[in-house]
Amino acid sequence: MTRLSRDQLDVDTLLTLWRGRWDIENRLFWVRDVDFKEDLSRIRSGTACTTMSVFRNTGIPLLRALKVPELTAAIREHAVKLNVLGQRLNFVNNA
């Protein structure tokens, strides 16, 4: 978890490192598991798993950058209404 020696590491530093690690885990992997239902995915062959992971890992920060109010709802909406995603990304004219 760290390369710090016992002499350099105190409880506060260890807790800060530990919390930082779980913050990263929760911001990415929890969203992938819960919102994208990645654990239930039946994609198993070739490079499809890696490709879908890249899409998910790109989509999460993209939706956060777009400041969508609810990540899960936005994922579901964009899955069935690609024009909404296109409008949010300015790929589609709103007219």
C-alpha atoms as a PDB file:
ATOM      1  CA  MET A   1       0.000   0.000   0.000  1.00  0.00           C
ATOM      2  CA  THR A   2       2.893   2.336   0.669  1.00  0.00           C
ATOM      3  CA  ARG A   3       6.654   2.393   0.451  1.00  0.00           C
ATOM      4  CA  LEU A   4       6.989   4.412   3.617  1.00  0.00           C
ATOM      5  CA  SER A   5       8.893   2.729   6.415  1.00  0.00           C
ATOM      6  CA  ARG A   6       7.390   2.200   9.863  1.00  0.00           C
ATOM      7  CA  ASP A   7       9.435   5.147  11.095  1.00  0.00           C
ATOM      8  CA  GLN A   8       7.926   7.440   8.457  1.00  0.00           C
ATOM      9  CA  LEU A   9       4.363   6.222   8.836  1.00  0.00           C
ATOM     10  CA  ASP A  10       2.035   7.350  11.576  1.00  0.00           C
ATOM     11  CA  VAL A  11      -1.623   6.488  12.097  1.00  0.00           C
ATOM     12  CA  ASP A  12      -2.922   9.719  10.551  1.00  0.00           C
ATOM     13  CA  THR A  13      -0.855   9.235   7.394  1.00  0.00           C
ATOM     14  CA  LEU A  14      -1.949   5.616   7.091  1.00  0.00           C
ATOM     15  CA  LEU A  15      -5.624   6.554   7.460  1.00  0.00           C
ATOM     16  CA  THR A  16      -5.271   9.319   4.873  1.00  0.00           C
ATOM     17  CA  LEU A  17      -3.713   6.885   2.395  1.00  0.00           C
ATOM     18  CA  TRP A  18      -6.370   4.265   3.138  1.00  0.00           C
ATOM     19  CA  ARG A  19      -9.273   6.702   2.685  1.00  0.00           C
ATOM     20  CA  GLY A  20      -7.773   8.050  -0.525  1.00  0.00           C
ATOM     21  CA  ARG A  21      -7.544   4.548  -1.931  1.00  0.00           C
ATOM     22  CA  TRP A  22     -11.181   3.779  -1.149  1.00  0.00           C
ATOM     23  CA  ASP A  23     -12.328   7.124  -2.525  1.00  0.00           C
ATOM     24  CA  ILE A  24     -10.832   6.156  -5.886  1.00  0.00           C
ATOM     25  CA  GLU A  25     -12.379   2.683  -5.656  1.00  0.00           C
ATOM     26  CA  ASN A  26     -15.810   4.055  -4.825  1.00  0.00           C
ATOM     27  CA  ARG A  27     -15.807   6.792  -7.469  1.00  0.00           C
ATOM     28  CA  LEU A  28     -15.032   4.400 -10.319  1.00  0.00           C
ATOM     29  CA  PHE A  29     -15.561   0.739  -9.542  1.00  0.00           C
ATOM     30  CA  TRP A  30     -18.702   1.153  -7.474  1.00  0.00           C
ATOM     31  CA  VAL A  31     -20.270   3.174 -10.300  1.00  0.00           C
ATOM     32  CA  ARG A  32     -19.212   0.554 -12.837  1.00  0.00           C
ATOM     33  CA  ASP A  33     -20.704  -2.224 -10.728  1.00  0.00           C
ATOM     34  CA  VAL A  34     -23.934  -0.485  -9.711  1.00  0.00           C
ATOM     35  CA  ASP A  35     -24.808   1.915 -12.533  1.00  0.00           C
ATOM     36  CA  PHE A  36     -23.396  -0.026 -15.463  1.00  0.00           C
ATOM     37  CA  LYS A  37     -24.135  -3.423 -13.867  1.00  0.00           C
ATOM     38  CA  GLU A  38     -20.692  -4.553 -14.964  1.00  0.00           C
ATOM     39  CA  ASP A  39     -20.693  -7.618 -12.718  1.00  0.00           C
ATOM     40  CA  LEU A  40     -23.792  -8.891 -14.544  1.00  0.00           C
ATOM     41  CA  SER A  41     -22.281  -8.384 -17.995  1.00  0.00           C
ATOM     42  CA  ARG A  42     -22.314 -11.461 -20.209  1.00  0.00           C
ATOM     43  CA  ILE A  43     -19.589 -10.143 -22.509  1.00  0.00           C
ATOM     44  CA  ARG A  44     -16.821 -12.720 -22.360  1.00  0.00           C
ATOM     45  CA  SER A  45     -15.054 -13.113 -25.704  1.00  0.00           C
ATOM     46  CA  GLY A  46     -12.069 -11.499 -27.363  1.00  0.00           C
ATOM     47  CA  THR A  47     -11.353  -7.888 -26.586  1.00  0.00           C
ATOM     48  CA  ALA A  48     -15.013  -6.983 -26.021  1.00  0.00           C
ATOM     49  CA  CYS A  49     -14.572  -6.900 -22.219  1.00  0.00           C
ATOM     50  CA  THR A  50     -11.697  -4.450 -22.487  1.00  0.00           C
ATOM     51  CA  THR A  51     -13.541  -2.346 -25.058  1.00  0.00           C
ATOM     52  CA  MET A  52     -16.647  -2.076 -22.879  1.00  0.00           C
ATOM     53  CA  SER A  53     -14.473  -1.226 -19.880  1.00  0.00           C
ATOM     54  CA  VAL A  54     -12.884   1.623 -21.859  1.00  0.00           C
ATOM     55  CA  PHE A  55     -16.356   2.925 -22.802  1.00  0.00           C
ATOM     56  CA  ARG A  56     -17.494   2.767 -19.171  1.00  0.00           C
ATOM     57  CA  ASN A  57     -14.307   4.370 -17.856  1.00  0.00           C
ATOM     58  CA  THR A  58     -14.718   7.165 -20.414  1.00  0.00           C
ATOM     59  CA  GLY A  59     -18.434   7.602 -19.803  1.00  0.00           C
ATOM     60  CA  ILE A  60     -18.273   8.091 -16.049  1.00  0.00           C
ATOM     61  CA  PRO A  61     -16.012  11.180 -16.002  1.00  0.00           C
ATOM     62  CA  LEU A  62     -17.725  12.489 -19.137  1.00  0.00           C
ATOM     63  CA  LEU A  63     -21.136  12.414 -17.453  1.00  0.00           C
ATOM     64  CA  ARG A  64     -19.625  14.001 -14.347  1.00  0.00           C
ATOM     65  CA  ALA A  65     -18.085  16.751 -16.483  1.00  0.00           C
ATOM     66  CA  LEU A  66     -21.517  17.355 -18.029  1.00  0.00           C
ATOM     67  CA  LYS A  67     -22.793  17.758 -14.458  1.00  0.00           C
ATOM     68  CA  VAL A  68     -25.743  15.426 -14.926  1.00  0.00           C
ATOM     69  CA  PRO A  69     -27.819  15.478 -11.731  1.00  0.00           C
ATOM     70  CA  GLU A  70     -28.240  11.698 -11.507  1.00  0.00           C
ATOM     71  CA  LEU A  71     -25.654   9.390 -13.065  1.00  0.00           C
ATOM     72  CA  THR A  72     -27.844   6.266 -13.136  1.00  0.00           C
ATOM     73  CA  ALA A  73     -30.755   8.071 -14.800  1.00  0.00           C
ATOM     74  CA  ALA A  74     -28.436   9.664 -17.374  1.00  0.00           C
ATOM     75  CA  ILE A  75     -26.902   6.291 -18.260  1.00  0.00           C
ATOM     76  CA  ARG A  76     -30.342   4.766 -18.810  1.00  0.00           C
ATOM     77  CA  GLU A  77     -31.578   7.769 -20.776  1.00  0.00           C
ATOM     78  CA  HIS A  78     -28.544   7.829 -23.058  1.00  0.00           C
ATOM     79  CA  ALA A  79     -28.804   4.093 -23.680  1.00  0.00           C
ATOM     80  CA  VAL A  80     -32.222   4.526 -25.300  1.00  0.00           C
ATOM     81  CA  LYS A  81     -32.043   8.145 -26.505  1.00  0.00           C
ATOM     82  CA  LEU A  82     -28.742   8.675 -28.288  1.00  0.00           C
ATOM     83  CA  ASN A  83     -29.964  12.057 -29.551  1.00  0.00           C
ATOM     84  CA  VAL A  84     -30.021  13.350 -25.948  1.00  0.00           C
ATOM     85  CA  LEU A  85     -26.402  12.292 -25.506  1.00  0.00           C
ATOM     86  CA  GLY A  86     -25.542  13.906 -28.827  1.00  0.00           C
ATOM     87  CA  GLN A  87     -27.179  17.158 -27.741  1.00  0.00           C
ATOM     88  CA  ARG A  88     -25.332  17.158 -24.424  1.00  0.00           C
ATOM     89  CA  LEU A  89     -22.049  16.625 -26.247  1.00  0.00           C
ATOM     90  CA  ASN A  90     -22.974  19.254 -28.866  1.00  0.00           C
ATOM     91  CA  PHE A  91     -22.814  16.627 -31.629  1.00  0.00           C
ATOM     92  CA  VAL A  92     -26.459  17.162 -32.554  1.00  0.00           C
ATOM     93  CA  ASN A  93     -28.155  20.456 -33.287  1.00  0.00           C
ATOM     94  CA  ASN A  94     -30.921  21.204 -30.779  1.00  0.00           C
ATOM     95  CA  ALA A  95     -33.198  22.572 -33.510  1.00  0.00           C
END
